[in-house]
Amino acid sequence: MGKIYITGLEVDTLIGVYDWERERTTQLLLDVTLDVDLQAAMQSDDVADTVDYAKVAECIVQVGKESTFELLEAFGSKVMNSVLESFVANGITLKIVKPNILPNARTVAVEMSKERV
């Protein structure tokens, strides 16, 4: 087993509970950790034997473009489900950072995990 990390992925999406948040997209920062079997790629040096992280990033950005959730938790669930449906990973951990939403905090964040069933 191994892990693939994507950190600080910028995703624009319509998200938020308040009316002013619904007027335009917000840039979120996502940290993604995929639990994957890296054994074949370690031997072959072939991207076909691993999870292509560029395609994972594209998938997540596309989810952001299509989403209109109010809560980070709901958005995160959609992201995790989309990644696990599209790529061969045993599990995913996702941290979503929403900057500049509270006047006295730089960011708020949620972190969640899901395993393939």
C-alpha atoms as a PDB file:
ATOM      1  CA  MET A   1       0.000   0.000   0.000  1.00  0.00           C
ATOM      2  CA  GLY A   2       0.969   3.601  -0.357  1.00  0.00           C
ATOM      3  CA  LYS A   3      -0.419   7.109  -0.424  1.00  0.00           C
ATOM      4  CA  ILE A   4      -0.782   9.763  -3.075  1.00  0.00           C
ATOM      5  CA  TYR A   5      -1.047  13.351  -1.825  1.00  0.00           C
ATOM      6  CA  ILE A   6      -2.446  16.406  -3.563  1.00  0.00           C
ATOM      7  CA  THR A   7      -2.152  19.495  -1.365  1.00  0.00           C
ATOM      8  CA  GLY A   8      -3.473  22.987  -1.790  1.00  0.00           C
ATOM      9  CA  LEU A   9      -5.653  22.137  -4.796  1.00  0.00           C
ATOM     10  CA  GLU A  10      -7.580  25.301  -5.708  1.00  0.00           C
ATOM     11  CA  VAL A  11     -11.230  24.591  -6.435  1.00  0.00           C
ATOM     12  CA  ASP A  12     -13.780  27.277  -7.268  1.00  0.00           C
ATOM     13  CA  THR A  13     -17.325  26.399  -6.281  1.00  0.00           C
ATOM     14  CA  LEU A  14     -20.586  27.963  -5.195  1.00  0.00           C
ATOM     15  CA  ILE A  15     -20.749  27.164  -1.497  1.00  0.00           C
ATOM     16  CA  GLY A  16     -22.126  28.727   1.640  1.00  0.00           C
ATOM     17  CA  VAL A  17     -25.174  29.184   3.805  1.00  0.00           C
ATOM     18  CA  TYR A  18     -25.482  32.973   3.745  1.00  0.00           C
ATOM     19  CA  ASP A  19     -27.070  34.900   0.871  1.00  0.00           C
ATOM     20  CA  TRP A  20     -23.865  36.850   0.200  1.00  0.00           C
ATOM     21  CA  GLU A  21     -21.983  33.539  -0.240  1.00  0.00           C
ATOM     22  CA  ARG A  22     -24.446  32.449  -2.934  1.00  0.00           C
ATOM     23  CA  GLU A  23     -23.684  35.457  -5.164  1.00  0.00           C
ATOM     24  CA  ARG A  24     -20.336  34.193  -6.504  1.00  0.00           C
ATOM     25  CA  THR A  25     -17.993  31.253  -6.320  1.00  0.00           C
ATOM     26  CA  THR A  26     -15.539  30.763  -3.482  1.00  0.00           C
ATOM     27  CA  GLN A  27     -12.039  29.383  -3.881  1.00  0.00           C
ATOM     28  CA  LEU A  28     -11.496  26.428  -1.572  1.00  0.00           C
ATOM     29  CA  LEU A  29      -8.174  24.722  -0.901  1.00  0.00           C
ATOM     30  CA  LEU A  30      -8.276  20.935  -0.809  1.00  0.00           C
ATOM     31  CA  ASP A  31      -5.762  18.476   0.553  1.00  0.00           C
ATOM     32  CA  VAL A  32      -6.377  14.977  -0.769  1.00  0.00           C
ATOM     33  CA  THR A  33      -4.777  11.744   0.419  1.00  0.00           C
ATOM     34  CA  LEU A  34      -5.486   8.572  -1.539  1.00  0.00           C
ATOM     35  CA  ASP A  35      -4.754   5.111  -0.171  1.00  0.00           C
ATOM     36  CA  VAL A  36      -3.557   3.128  -3.160  1.00  0.00           C
ATOM     37  CA  ASP A  37      -1.605   0.043  -4.107  1.00  0.00           C
ATOM     38  CA  LEU A  38       1.629   1.388  -5.596  1.00  0.00           C
ATOM     39  CA  GLN A  39       3.383  -1.955  -6.057  1.00  0.00           C
ATOM     40  CA  ALA A  40       2.840  -2.310  -9.812  1.00  0.00           C
ATOM     41  CA  ALA A  41       3.898   1.290 -10.532  1.00  0.00           C
ATOM     42  CA  MET A  42       7.006   0.861  -8.400  1.00  0.00           C
ATOM     43  CA  GLN A  43       8.054  -1.995 -10.684  1.00  0.00           C
ATOM     44  CA  SER A  44       6.875  -0.731 -14.065  1.00  0.00           C
ATOM     45  CA  ASP A  45       7.478   3.038 -13.932  1.00  0.00           C
ATOM     46  CA  ASP A  46       4.249   3.337 -15.961  1.00  0.00           C
ATOM     47  CA  VAL A  47       1.478   5.822 -15.107  1.00  0.00           C
ATOM     48  CA  ALA A  48      -1.077   3.243 -16.253  1.00  0.00           C
ATOM     49  CA  ASP A  49      -0.162   1.202 -13.160  1.00  0.00           C
ATOM     50  CA  THR A  50      -1.032   3.937 -10.676  1.00  0.00           C
ATOM     51  CA  VAL A  51      -3.629   6.608  -9.996  1.00  0.00           C
ATOM     52  CA  ASP A  52      -2.967   9.581 -12.277  1.00  0.00           C
ATOM     53  CA  TYR A  53      -3.048  12.495  -9.833  1.00  0.00           C
ATOM     54  CA  ALA A  54      -3.529  15.032 -12.633  1.00  0.00           C
ATOM     55  CA  LYS A  55      -6.770  13.279 -13.580  1.00  0.00           C
ATOM     56  CA  VAL A  56      -7.831  13.135  -9.926  1.00  0.00           C
ATOM     57  CA  ALA A  57      -7.300  16.894  -9.679  1.00  0.00           C
ATOM     58  CA  GLU A  58      -9.322  17.447 -12.876  1.00  0.00           C
ATOM     59  CA  CYS A  59     -12.145  15.318 -11.482  1.00  0.00           C
ATOM     60  CA  ILE A  60     -12.259  17.314  -8.250  1.00  0.00           C
ATOM     61  CA  VAL A  61     -12.175  20.681 -10.037  1.00  0.00           C
ATOM     62  CA  GLN A  62     -15.069  19.517 -12.234  1.00  0.00           C
ATOM     63  CA  VAL A  63     -17.098  18.522  -9.153  1.00  0.00           C
ATOM     64  CA  GLY A  64     -16.520  22.040  -7.847  1.00  0.00           C
ATOM     65  CA  LYS A  65     -17.739  23.617 -11.092  1.00  0.00           C
ATOM     66  CA  GLU A  66     -20.953  21.573 -11.012  1.00  0.00           C
ATOM     67  CA  SER A  67     -21.725  21.916  -7.280  1.00  0.00           C
ATOM     68  CA  THR A  68     -23.967  24.349  -5.423  1.00  0.00           C
ATOM     69  CA  PHE A  69     -23.802  22.962  -1.887  1.00  0.00           C
ATOM     70  CA  GLU A  70     -24.322  24.995   1.249  1.00  0.00           C
ATOM     71  CA  LEU A  71     -22.030  22.914   3.476  1.00  0.00           C
ATOM     72  CA  LEU A  72     -18.404  21.891   3.127  1.00  0.00           C
ATOM     73  CA  GLU A  73     -19.392  18.482   4.472  1.00  0.00           C
ATOM     74  CA  ALA A  74     -21.857  17.845   1.631  1.00  0.00           C
ATOM     75  CA  PHE A  75     -19.377  19.087  -0.960  1.00  0.00           C
ATOM     76  CA  GLY A  76     -16.697  16.847   0.541  1.00  0.00           C
ATOM     77  CA  SER A  77     -18.950  13.821   0.376  1.00  0.00           C
ATOM     78  CA  LYS A  78     -19.567  14.452  -3.334  1.00  0.00           C
ATOM     79  CA  VAL A  79     -15.839  14.854  -3.985  1.00  0.00           C
ATOM     80  CA  MET A  80     -14.944  11.643  -2.154  1.00  0.00           C
ATOM     81  CA  ASN A  81     -17.676   9.645  -3.889  1.00  0.00           C
ATOM     82  CA  SER A  82     -16.646  10.946  -7.318  1.00  0.00           C
ATOM     83  CA  VAL A  83     -12.986  10.096  -6.770  1.00  0.00           C
ATOM     84  CA  LEU A  84     -13.709   6.613  -5.422  1.00  0.00           C
ATOM     85  CA  GLU A  85     -16.108   5.921  -8.320  1.00  0.00           C
ATOM     86  CA  SER A  86     -13.598   7.083 -10.925  1.00  0.00           C
ATOM     87  CA  PHE A  87     -10.234   5.824  -9.656  1.00  0.00           C
ATOM     88  CA  VAL A  88      -8.776   2.669  -8.129  1.00  0.00           C
ATOM     89  CA  ALA A  89      -8.161   3.787  -4.567  1.00  0.00           C
ATOM     90  CA  ASN A  90      -8.905   1.945  -1.351  1.00  0.00           C
ATOM     91  CA  GLY A  91      -9.752   5.111   0.521  1.00  0.00           C
ATOM     92  CA  ILE A  92      -9.590   8.876   0.546  1.00  0.00           C
ATOM     93  CA  THR A  93      -8.995  11.523   3.188  1.00  0.00           C
ATOM     94  CA  LEU A  94     -10.058  15.028   2.271  1.00  0.00           C
ATOM     95  CA  LYS A  95      -9.384  18.313   4.033  1.00  0.00           C
ATOM     96  CA  ILE A  96     -11.316  21.323   2.728  1.00  0.00           C
ATOM     97  CA  VAL A  97     -10.096  24.771   3.722  1.00  0.00           C
ATOM     98  CA  LYS A  98     -12.369  27.795   3.318  1.00  0.00           C
ATOM     99  CA  PRO A  99     -10.312  30.976   3.703  1.00  0.00           C
ATOM    100  CA  ASN A 100     -11.477  34.387   4.905  1.00  0.00           C
ATOM    101  CA  ILE A 101     -14.949  33.346   6.018  1.00  0.00           C
ATOM    102  CA  LEU A 102     -14.684  34.464   9.656  1.00  0.00           C
ATOM    103  CA  PRO A 103     -13.491  37.954  10.556  1.00  0.00           C
ATOM    104  CA  ASN A 104     -11.206  36.699  13.315  1.00  0.00           C
ATOM    105  CA  ALA A 105      -9.814  33.564  11.648  1.00  0.00           C
ATOM    106  CA  ARG A 106      -7.733  33.044   8.517  1.00  0.00           C
ATOM    107  CA  THR A 107      -9.489  29.823   7.584  1.00  0.00           C
ATOM    108  CA  VAL A 108     -12.009  27.238   8.614  1.00  0.00           C
ATOM    109  CA  ALA A 109     -11.654  23.619   7.539  1.00  0.00           C
ATOM    110  CA  VAL A 110     -13.274  20.217   7.674  1.00  0.00           C
ATOM    111  CA  GLU A 111     -11.564  16.881   7.252  1.00  0.00           C
ATOM    112  CA  MET A 112     -13.265  13.620   6.405  1.00  0.00           C
ATOM    113  CA  SER A 113     -12.411  10.136   5.189  1.00  0.00           C
ATOM    114  CA  LYS A 114     -14.096   7.381   3.252  1.00  0.00           C
ATOM    115  CA  GLU A 115     -13.089   3.849   2.391  1.00  0.00           C
ATOM    116  CA  ARG A 116     -14.081   1.908  -0.679  1.00  0.00           C
ATOM    117  CA  VAL A 117     -16.900  -0.472   0.152  1.00  0.00           C
END
